[in-house]
Amino acid sequence: MSVLEIERNDGVMVLRMNRPERMNALGSDLREALAEAWCEFRDSKDLEVAIYTGTGRAFCVGEDMKESLERGTVGRQPTRVEDPYRAGKLDKPVIVAINGFAMGGGFMLTELADLRVAVRGAVFESSEAKRWLMGGFNHGVKNNLPHAFATELAFAFRFTAERMYEVGYLNRVVDADQLLPTAREMAAHLMSLPPASRINTMHIMRAMRPTVPPELEAYAAVLHEYGAKSDLVESRKAFAEKRKPNFKGWDNPGDRERTPRMKRDK
């Protein structure tokens, strides 16, 4: 059984992650298959729109933490070829069809898409605050979300598809049996447009997405390294062992009072 199923028809490529027993966690095999498939989509003269989805009760739950623990290192490992979807280097529109849980890295995959449709009751979570030394500070900015909502998102609260639709993150929320038909209808509409109109409009809409100012990116990079690195592994071990984590916080307890500040706050 392939970890990634692919359909190609009428200019549309459907990529379906297929690790339902692992809730489509991003193990090395799936990452490699996705990178190769997105390269094919990028280079194809016949494929113009992609639909990205999953099998089972999850779209994708992000990092395969069991594999990370077995490997002894946390986080995403590089693939043999660069994944142009993750790198933001695709010049063709992508529709994400979210069939269930979209957590951590899986949530990040949904926000890279140009259009988003989800099943009712799908669950979303930006999980960085649970797994790293800082939460997902940039998702609210990139998705133009209200600050209070973005703060919840950064602290790894969970949201339903209905709530994500209310704040404008999703284009459609549909019954499960209408997920792929709706995504295919959206793809057919895109394919009906003049090719230059489709591509030029996509480029300008992507260019209009908000970005985090450089000084805040630099501050985030400092904070991302500040704290007990052992907690990164502990968060994953506790998850794998289905227990409450025993976090250290800081290697030196006094470091809590020395948390780096931005220059403007000093």
C-alpha atoms as a PDB file:
ATOM      1  CA  MET A   1       0.000   0.000   0.000  1.00  0.00           C
ATOM      2  CA  SER A   2       1.450   3.349  -1.051  1.00  0.00           C
ATOM      3  CA  VAL A   3       1.771   6.055   1.611  1.00  0.00           C
ATOM      4  CA  LEU A   4       0.693   8.556  -1.048  1.00  0.00           C
ATOM      5  CA  GLU A   5      -2.055   7.979  -3.615  1.00  0.00           C
ATOM      6  CA  ILE A   6      -2.099  10.159  -6.746  1.00  0.00           C
ATOM      7  CA  GLU A   7      -4.765  10.802  -9.375  1.00  0.00           C
ATOM      8  CA  ARG A   8      -4.264  12.784 -12.566  1.00  0.00           C
ATOM      9  CA  ASN A   9      -7.229  13.841 -14.665  1.00  0.00           C
ATOM     10  CA  ASP A  10      -8.349  16.863 -16.704  1.00  0.00           C
ATOM     11  CA  GLY A  11      -5.403  18.993 -15.606  1.00  0.00           C
ATOM     12  CA  VAL A  12      -5.985  18.278 -11.910  1.00  0.00           C
ATOM     13  CA  MET A  13      -3.649  16.292  -9.666  1.00  0.00           C
ATOM     14  CA  VAL A  14      -5.105  14.801  -6.470  1.00  0.00           C
ATOM     15  CA  LEU A  15      -2.563  13.929  -3.752  1.00  0.00           C
ATOM     16  CA  ARG A  16      -3.987  11.773  -0.957  1.00  0.00           C
ATOM     17  CA  MET A  17      -1.817  10.977   2.057  1.00  0.00           C
ATOM     18  CA  ASN A  18      -2.419   7.342   2.953  1.00  0.00           C
ATOM     19  CA  ARG A  19      -1.171   6.428   6.417  1.00  0.00           C
ATOM     20  CA  PRO A  20      -4.562   6.205   8.173  1.00  0.00           C
ATOM     21  CA  GLU A  21      -3.169   3.919  10.897  1.00  0.00           C
ATOM     22  CA  ARG A  22      -0.782   6.758  11.857  1.00  0.00           C
ATOM     23  CA  MET A  23      -3.268   9.568  11.148  1.00  0.00           C
ATOM     24  CA  ASN A  24      -1.084  10.524   8.161  1.00  0.00           C
ATOM     25  CA  ALA A  25       1.841  11.522  10.377  1.00  0.00           C
ATOM     26  CA  LEU A  26       4.751  12.820   8.331  1.00  0.00           C
ATOM     27  CA  GLY A  27       7.214   9.964   8.465  1.00  0.00           C
ATOM     28  CA  SER A  28      10.279   9.955   6.225  1.00  0.00           C
ATOM     29  CA  ASP A  29       8.646   7.771   3.542  1.00  0.00           C
ATOM     30  CA  LEU A  30       5.631  10.062   3.259  1.00  0.00           C
ATOM     31  CA  ARG A  31       7.791  13.198   3.204  1.00  0.00           C
ATOM     32  CA  GLU A  32       9.896  11.752   0.384  1.00  0.00           C
ATOM     33  CA  ALA A  33       6.816  10.725  -1.602  1.00  0.00           C
ATOM     34  CA  LEU A  34       5.249  14.161  -1.179  1.00  0.00           C
ATOM     35  CA  ALA A  35       8.418  15.969  -2.257  1.00  0.00           C
ATOM     36  CA  GLU A  36       8.610  13.879  -5.432  1.00  0.00           C
ATOM     37  CA  ALA A  37       4.897  14.309  -6.197  1.00  0.00           C
ATOM     38  CA  TRP A  38       5.017  18.078  -5.764  1.00  0.00           C
ATOM     39  CA  CYS A  39       8.056  18.197  -8.059  1.00  0.00           C
ATOM     40  CA  GLU A  40       6.053  16.289 -10.666  1.00  0.00           C
ATOM     41  CA  PHE A  41       3.169  18.740 -10.296  1.00  0.00           C
ATOM     42  CA  ARG A  42       5.531  21.707 -10.584  1.00  0.00           C
ATOM     43  CA  ASP A  43       7.226  20.376 -13.716  1.00  0.00           C
ATOM     44  CA  SER A  44       4.192  18.952 -15.526  1.00  0.00           C
ATOM     45  CA  LYS A  45       2.924  20.644 -18.704  1.00  0.00           C
ATOM     46  CA  ASP A  46      -0.491  19.031 -18.267  1.00  0.00           C
ATOM     47  CA  LEU A  47      -1.294  19.480 -14.559  1.00  0.00           C
ATOM     48  CA  GLU A  48      -2.460  22.959 -13.541  1.00  0.00           C
ATOM     49  CA  VAL A  49      -4.374  22.602 -10.235  1.00  0.00           C
ATOM     50  CA  ALA A  50      -3.727  20.321  -7.237  1.00  0.00           C
ATOM     51  CA  ILE A  51      -6.082  18.957  -4.584  1.00  0.00           C
ATOM     52  CA  TYR A  52      -4.334  17.897  -1.373  1.00  0.00           C
ATOM     53  CA  THR A  53      -6.137  15.575   1.062  1.00  0.00           C
ATOM     54  CA  GLY A  54      -5.784  12.527   3.317  1.00  0.00           C
ATOM     55  CA  THR A  55      -7.382   9.194   4.153  1.00  0.00           C
ATOM     56  CA  GLY A  56      -9.013   8.129   7.390  1.00  0.00           C
ATOM     57  CA  ARG A  57     -10.011  10.401  10.258  1.00  0.00           C
ATOM     58  CA  ALA A  58      -7.081  12.786   9.884  1.00  0.00           C
ATOM     59  CA  PHE A  59      -5.754  15.059   7.181  1.00  0.00           C
ATOM     60  CA  CYS A  60      -2.344  15.051   8.868  1.00  0.00           C
ATOM     61  CA  VAL A  61      -1.179  15.210  12.480  1.00  0.00           C
ATOM     62  CA  GLY A  62       2.282  16.525  11.600  1.00  0.00           C
ATOM     63  CA  GLU A  63       5.595  15.115  12.796  1.00  0.00           C
ATOM     64  CA  ASP A  64       5.813  11.345  13.238  1.00  0.00           C
ATOM     65  CA  MET A  65       6.998  11.553  16.835  1.00  0.00           C
ATOM     66  CA  LYS A  66       7.481   7.799  17.164  1.00  0.00           C
ATOM     67  CA  GLU A  67       9.928   7.932  14.264  1.00  0.00           C
ATOM     68  CA  SER A  68      11.653  11.003  15.744  1.00  0.00           C
ATOM     69  CA  LEU A  69      12.226   9.202  19.041  1.00  0.00           C
ATOM     70  CA  GLU A  70      13.554   6.122  17.279  1.00  0.00           C
ATOM     71  CA  ARG A  71      15.882   8.334  15.222  1.00  0.00           C
ATOM     72  CA  GLY A  72      17.002  10.307  18.277  1.00  0.00           C
ATOM     73  CA  THR A  73      16.433  13.743  16.730  1.00  0.00           C
ATOM     74  CA  VAL A  74      13.317  15.899  16.712  1.00  0.00           C
ATOM     75  CA  GLY A  75      11.677  17.788  13.882  1.00  0.00           C
ATOM     76  CA  ARG A  76      11.589  17.487  10.125  1.00  0.00           C
ATOM     77  CA  GLN A  77      14.493  15.864   8.320  1.00  0.00           C
ATOM     78  CA  PRO A  78      15.542  17.036   4.823  1.00  0.00           C
ATOM     79  CA  THR A  79      14.243  15.081   1.843  1.00  0.00           C
ATOM     80  CA  ARG A  80      16.348  13.924  -1.116  1.00  0.00           C
ATOM     81  CA  VAL A  81      14.697  16.573  -3.293  1.00  0.00           C
ATOM     82  CA  GLU A  82      13.264  19.859  -2.061  1.00  0.00           C
ATOM     83  CA  ASP A  83       9.524  19.842  -1.497  1.00  0.00           C
ATOM     84  CA  PRO A  84       8.339  22.842  -3.595  1.00  0.00           C
ATOM     85  CA  TYR A  85       4.973  22.967  -1.815  1.00  0.00           C
ATOM     86  CA  ARG A  86       6.560  23.445   1.614  1.00  0.00           C
ATOM     87  CA  ALA A  87       9.138  25.807   0.121  1.00  0.00           C
ATOM     88  CA  GLY A  88       6.428  28.005  -1.426  1.00  0.00           C
ATOM     89  CA  LYS A  89       7.823  27.527  -4.921  1.00  0.00           C
ATOM     90  CA  LEU A  90       4.773  26.253  -6.799  1.00  0.00           C
ATOM     91  CA  ASP A  91       3.442  28.509  -9.554  1.00  0.00           C
ATOM     92  CA  LYS A  92       0.114  26.688  -9.692  1.00  0.00           C
ATOM     93  CA  PRO A  93      -2.866  26.857  -7.319  1.00  0.00           C
ATOM     94  CA  VAL A  94      -3.451  24.253  -4.615  1.00  0.00           C
ATOM     95  CA  ILE A  95      -6.773  23.390  -2.958  1.00  0.00           C
ATOM     96  CA  VAL A  96      -6.524  21.596   0.377  1.00  0.00           C
ATOM     97  CA  ALA A  97      -9.413  19.238   1.221  1.00  0.00           C
ATOM     98  CA  ILE A  98      -9.210  18.675   4.968  1.00  0.00           C
ATOM     99  CA  ASN A  99     -10.841  15.371   5.856  1.00  0.00           C
ATOM    100  CA  GLY A 100     -10.174  15.402   9.614  1.00  0.00           C
ATOM    101  CA  PHE A 101      -7.532  16.368  12.172  1.00  0.00           C
ATOM    102  CA  ALA A 102      -5.016  18.968  10.974  1.00  0.00           C
ATOM    103  CA  MET A 103      -2.466  19.266  13.754  1.00  0.00           C
ATOM    104  CA  GLY A 104       1.034  20.704  14.061  1.00  0.00           C
ATOM    105  CA  GLY A 105       2.842  20.268  10.774  1.00  0.00           C
ATOM    106  CA  GLY A 106      -0.454  19.116   9.284  1.00  0.00           C
ATOM    107  CA  PHE A 107      -2.018  22.445  10.173  1.00  0.00           C
ATOM    108  CA  MET A 108       0.924  24.184   8.519  1.00  0.00           C
ATOM    109  CA  LEU A 109       0.309  22.189   5.344  1.00  0.00           C
ATOM    110  CA  THR A 110      -3.256  23.536   5.206  1.00  0.00           C
ATOM    111  CA  GLU A 111      -2.174  27.159   5.496  1.00  0.00           C
ATOM    112  CA  LEU A 112       0.182  26.863   2.526  1.00  0.00           C
ATOM    113  CA  ALA A 113      -2.768  26.174   0.214  1.00  0.00           C
ATOM    114  CA  ASP A 114      -4.528  28.835  -1.850  1.00  0.00           C
ATOM    115  CA  LEU A 115      -8.044  27.573  -1.116  1.00  0.00           C
ATOM    116  CA  ARG A 116      -9.296  25.478   1.810  1.00  0.00           C
ATOM    117  CA  VAL A 117     -12.332  23.241   2.235  1.00  0.00           C
ATOM    118  CA  ALA A 118     -12.922  21.042   5.303  1.00  0.00           C
ATOM    119  CA  VAL A 119     -15.395  18.506   6.621  1.00  0.00           C
ATOM    120  CA  ARG A 120     -17.692  19.508   9.457  1.00  0.00           C
ATOM    121  CA  GLY A 121     -16.113  18.791  12.820  1.00  0.00           C
ATOM    122  CA  ALA A 122     -12.535  18.662  11.552  1.00  0.00           C
ATOM    123  CA  VAL A 123     -10.115  19.716  14.298  1.00  0.00           C
ATOM    124  CA  PHE A 124      -7.281  22.223  13.871  1.00  0.00           C
ATOM    125  CA  GLU A 125      -4.317  22.856  16.144  1.00  0.00           C
ATOM    126  CA  SER A 126      -1.064  24.758  15.773  1.00  0.00           C
ATOM    127  CA  SER A 127       0.981  22.505  18.065  1.00  0.00           C
ATOM    128  CA  GLU A 128       4.351  24.285  18.328  1.00  0.00           C
ATOM    129  CA  ALA A 129       3.716  25.427  21.914  1.00  0.00           C
ATOM    130  CA  LYS A 130       3.425  21.766  22.944  1.00  0.00           C
ATOM    131  CA  ARG A 131       6.552  20.517  21.176  1.00  0.00           C
ATOM    132  CA  TRP A 132       9.071  23.378  20.987  1.00  0.00           C
ATOM    133  CA  LEU A 133      10.277  26.240  23.176  1.00  0.00           C
ATOM    134  CA  MET A 134       7.839  28.701  21.623  1.00  0.00           C
ATOM    135  CA  GLY A 135       4.354  28.604  20.138  1.00  0.00           C
ATOM    136  CA  GLY A 136       3.213  29.225  16.582  1.00  0.00           C
ATOM    137  CA  PHE A 137       3.572  32.992  16.724  1.00  0.00           C
ATOM    138  CA  ASN A 138       3.354  33.652  12.979  1.00  0.00           C
ATOM    139  CA  HIS A 139       0.203  31.790  11.917  1.00  0.00           C
ATOM    140  CA  GLY A 140      -2.183  34.534  12.927  1.00  0.00           C
ATOM    141  CA  VAL A 141      -0.227  37.156  10.995  1.00  0.00           C
ATOM    142  CA  LYS A 142       0.097  35.044   7.853  1.00  0.00           C
ATOM    143  CA  ASN A 143      -3.611  34.264   7.891  1.00  0.00           C
ATOM    144  CA  ASN A 144      -4.749  37.785   8.826  1.00  0.00           C
ATOM    145  CA  LEU A 145      -6.545  36.571  11.965  1.00  0.00           C
ATOM    146  CA  PRO A 146      -7.717  38.746  14.886  1.00  0.00           C
ATOM    147  CA  HIS A 147      -5.030  39.067  17.566  1.00  0.00           C
ATOM    148  CA  ALA A 148      -6.984  37.363  20.356  1.00  0.00           C
ATOM    149  CA  PHE A 149      -7.744  34.409  18.090  1.00  0.00           C
ATOM    150  CA  ALA A 150      -4.124  34.318  16.879  1.00  0.00           C
ATOM    151  CA  THR A 151      -3.007  34.179  20.522  1.00  0.00           C
ATOM    152  CA  GLU A 152      -5.190  31.134  21.153  1.00  0.00           C
ATOM    153  CA  LEU A 153      -3.742  29.559  18.030  1.00  0.00           C
ATOM    154  CA  ALA A 154      -0.185  30.272  19.181  1.00  0.00           C
ATOM    155  CA  PHE A 155      -0.882  28.618  22.553  1.00  0.00           C
ATOM    156  CA  ALA A 156      -2.026  25.388  20.853  1.00  0.00           C
ATOM    157  CA  PHE A 157      -5.722  25.603  21.633  1.00  0.00           C
ATOM    158  CA  ARG A 158      -7.893  23.434  19.382  1.00  0.00           C
ATOM    159  CA  PHE A 159     -10.562  24.700  16.996  1.00  0.00           C
ATOM    160  CA  THR A 160     -13.317  23.098  14.985  1.00  0.00           C
ATOM    161  CA  ALA A 161     -13.737  23.608  11.269  1.00  0.00           C
ATOM    162  CA  GLU A 162     -16.848  25.651  12.012  1.00  0.00           C
ATOM    163  CA  ARG A 163     -14.863  28.099  14.153  1.00  0.00           C
ATOM    164  CA  MET A 164     -12.078  28.309  11.566  1.00  0.00           C
ATOM    165  CA  TYR A 165     -14.696  29.129   8.946  1.00  0.00           C
ATOM    166  CA  GLU A 166     -16.132  31.888  11.163  1.00  0.00           C
ATOM    167  CA  VAL A 167     -12.770  33.676  11.353  1.00  0.00           C
ATOM    168  CA  GLY A 168     -12.198  33.335   7.617  1.00  0.00           C
ATOM    169  CA  TYR A 169      -9.531  30.620   7.595  1.00  0.00           C
ATOM    170  CA  LEU A 170     -11.655  28.208   5.523  1.00  0.00           C
ATOM    171  CA  ASN A 171     -13.482  28.803   2.239  1.00  0.00           C
ATOM    172  CA  ARG A 172     -16.020  25.991   2.694  1.00  0.00           C
ATOM    173  CA  VAL A 173     -17.221  23.593   5.403  1.00  0.00           C
ATOM    174  CA  VAL A 174     -19.100  20.588   4.010  1.00  0.00           C
ATOM    175  CA  ASP A 175     -20.406  17.138   4.885  1.00  0.00           C
ATOM    176  CA  ALA A 176     -17.828  14.369   4.522  1.00  0.00           C
ATOM    177  CA  ASP A 177     -19.345  12.954   1.337  1.00  0.00           C
ATOM    178  CA  GLN A 178     -19.113  16.381  -0.292  1.00  0.00           C
ATOM    179  CA  LEU A 179     -15.462  17.094   0.522  1.00  0.00           C
ATOM    180  CA  LEU A 180     -13.829  15.813  -2.674  1.00  0.00           C
ATOM    181  CA  PRO A 181     -16.762  16.810  -4.930  1.00  0.00           C
ATOM    182  CA  THR A 182     -16.544  20.362  -3.589  1.00  0.00           C
ATOM    183  CA  ALA A 183     -12.774  20.482  -4.063  1.00  0.00           C
ATOM    184  CA  ARG A 184     -13.174  19.126  -7.597  1.00  0.00           C
ATOM    185  CA  GLU A 185     -15.800  21.776  -8.368  1.00  0.00           C
ATOM    186  CA  MET A 186     -13.406  24.466  -7.179  1.00  0.00           C
ATOM    187  CA  ALA A 187     -10.634  22.960  -9.302  1.00  0.00           C
ATOM    188  CA  ALA A 188     -12.926  22.823 -12.344  1.00  0.00           C
ATOM    189  CA  HIS A 189     -13.758  26.504 -11.865  1.00  0.00           C
ATOM    190  CA  LEU A 190     -10.047  27.385 -11.748  1.00  0.00           C
ATOM    191  CA  MET A 191      -9.445  25.315 -14.886  1.00  0.00           C
ATOM    192  CA  SER A 192     -12.253  27.202 -16.669  1.00  0.00           C
ATOM    193  CA  LEU A 193     -10.422  30.527 -16.318  1.00  0.00           C
ATOM    194  CA  PRO A 194      -8.036  31.905 -18.941  1.00  0.00           C
ATOM    195  CA  PRO A 195      -4.638  30.408 -18.018  1.00  0.00           C
ATOM    196  CA  ALA A 196      -2.926  33.771 -17.581  1.00  0.00           C
ATOM    197  CA  SER A 197      -5.793  35.011 -15.428  1.00  0.00           C
ATOM    198  CA  ARG A 198      -5.542  31.968 -13.160  1.00  0.00           C
ATOM    199  CA  ILE A 199      -1.776  32.239 -12.709  1.00  0.00           C
ATOM    200  CA  ASN A 200      -1.523  36.039 -12.494  1.00  0.00           C
ATOM    201  CA  THR A 201      -4.340  36.245  -9.972  1.00  0.00           C
ATOM    202  CA  MET A 202      -2.743  33.519  -7.883  1.00  0.00           C
ATOM    203  CA  HIS A 203       0.578  35.396  -7.851  1.00  0.00           C
ATOM    204  CA  ILE A 204      -0.947  38.702  -6.760  1.00  0.00           C
ATOM    205  CA  MET A 205      -3.091  37.074  -4.070  1.00  0.00           C
ATOM    206  CA  ARG A 206      -0.062  35.300  -2.645  1.00  0.00           C
ATOM    207  CA  ALA A 207       1.922  38.541  -2.724  1.00  0.00           C
ATOM    208  CA  MET A 208      -0.813  40.197  -0.672  1.00  0.00           C
ATOM    209  CA  ARG A 209      -0.491  37.730   2.209  1.00  0.00           C
ATOM    210  CA  PRO A 210       0.777  39.482   5.366  1.00  0.00           C
ATOM    211  CA  THR A 211       4.264  38.633   6.639  1.00  0.00           C
ATOM    212  CA  VAL A 212       5.949  38.943  10.019  1.00  0.00           C
ATOM    213  CA  PRO A 213       8.314  41.981  10.164  1.00  0.00           C
ATOM    214  CA  PRO A 214      12.041  41.075  10.114  1.00  0.00           C
ATOM    215  CA  GLU A 215      12.687  42.428  13.616  1.00  0.00           C
ATOM    216  CA  LEU A 216       9.983  40.126  15.030  1.00  0.00           C
ATOM    217  CA  GLU A 217      11.321  37.144  13.088  1.00  0.00           C
ATOM    218  CA  ALA A 218      14.753  37.852  14.602  1.00  0.00           C
ATOM    219  CA  TYR A 219      13.278  38.115  18.105  1.00  0.00           C
ATOM    220  CA  ALA A 220      11.362  34.880  17.596  1.00  0.00           C
ATOM    221  CA  ALA A 221      14.559  33.105  16.537  1.00  0.00           C
ATOM    222  CA  VAL A 222      16.196  34.126  19.833  1.00  0.00           C
ATOM    223  CA  LEU A 223      13.220  32.999  21.921  1.00  0.00           C
ATOM    224  CA  HIS A 224      12.996  29.728  20.008  1.00  0.00           C
ATOM    225  CA  GLU A 225      16.399  28.745  21.433  1.00  0.00           C
ATOM    226  CA  TYR A 226      15.837  29.962  25.005  1.00  0.00           C
ATOM    227  CA  GLY A 227      14.962  27.254  27.519  1.00  0.00           C
ATOM    228  CA  ALA A 228      15.734  23.651  28.395  1.00  0.00           C
ATOM    229  CA  LYS A 229      16.272  21.773  25.132  1.00  0.00           C
ATOM    230  CA  SER A 230      15.517  18.513  26.961  1.00  0.00           C
ATOM    231  CA  ASP A 231      11.848  19.536  26.990  1.00  0.00           C
ATOM    232  CA  LEU A 232      11.693  19.029  23.211  1.00  0.00           C
ATOM    233  CA  VAL A 233      12.343  15.310  23.631  1.00  0.00           C
ATOM    234  CA  GLU A 234      10.290  15.082  26.824  1.00  0.00           C
ATOM    235  CA  SER A 235       7.189  16.448  25.072  1.00  0.00           C
ATOM    236  CA  ARG A 236       7.482  13.743  22.422  1.00  0.00           C
ATOM    237  CA  LYS A 237       8.283  10.937  24.877  1.00  0.00           C
ATOM    238  CA  ALA A 238       5.298  11.850  27.028  1.00  0.00           C
ATOM    239  CA  PHE A 239       3.045  11.868  23.976  1.00  0.00           C
ATOM    240  CA  ALA A 240       4.330   8.462  22.828  1.00  0.00           C
ATOM    241  CA  GLU A 241       4.005   7.023  26.337  1.00  0.00           C
ATOM    242  CA  LYS A 242       0.553   8.583  26.875  1.00  0.00           C
ATOM    243  CA  ARG A 243       1.520  10.330  30.101  1.00  0.00           C
ATOM    244  CA  LYS A 244       1.760  13.840  31.509  1.00  0.00           C
ATOM    245  CA  PRO A 245       5.089  15.478  30.546  1.00  0.00           C
ATOM    246  CA  ASN A 246       7.637  16.398  33.207  1.00  0.00           C
ATOM    247  CA  PHE A 247       9.010  19.655  31.835  1.00  0.00           C
ATOM    248  CA  LYS A 248      12.192  21.255  33.159  1.00  0.00           C
ATOM    249  CA  GLY A 249      11.593  24.731  31.702  1.00  0.00           C
ATOM    250  CA  TRP A 250      15.093  26.190  32.076  1.00  0.00           C
ATOM    251  CA  ASP A 251      18.466  24.549  32.693  1.00  0.00           C
ATOM    252  CA  ASN A 252      19.132  27.287  35.246  1.00  0.00           C
ATOM    253  CA  PRO A 253      15.985  28.361  37.166  1.00  0.00           C
ATOM    254  CA  GLY A 254      17.237  31.941  37.172  1.00  0.00           C
ATOM    255  CA  ASP A 255      16.980  32.018  33.387  1.00  0.00           C
ATOM    256  CA  ARG A 256      13.233  32.536  33.782  1.00  0.00           C
ATOM    257  CA  GLU A 257      13.892  36.131  34.852  1.00  0.00           C
ATOM    258  CA  ARG A 258      16.416  36.600  32.050  1.00  0.00           C
ATOM    259  CA  THR A 259      14.082  35.869  29.158  1.00  0.00           C
ATOM    260  CA  PRO A 260      15.342  37.954  26.199  1.00  0.00           C
ATOM    261  CA  ARG A 261      13.423  41.150  25.463  1.00  0.00           C
ATOM    262  CA  MET A 262      13.098  43.128  22.285  1.00  0.00           C
ATOM    263  CA  LYS A 263      15.163  46.322  22.222  1.00  0.00           C
ATOM    264  CA  ARG A 264      12.029  48.442  22.213  1.00  0.00           C
ATOM    265  CA  ASP A 265      10.910  46.801  25.498  1.00  0.00           C
ATOM    266  CA  LYS A 266      14.173  47.307  27.391  1.00  0.00           C
END
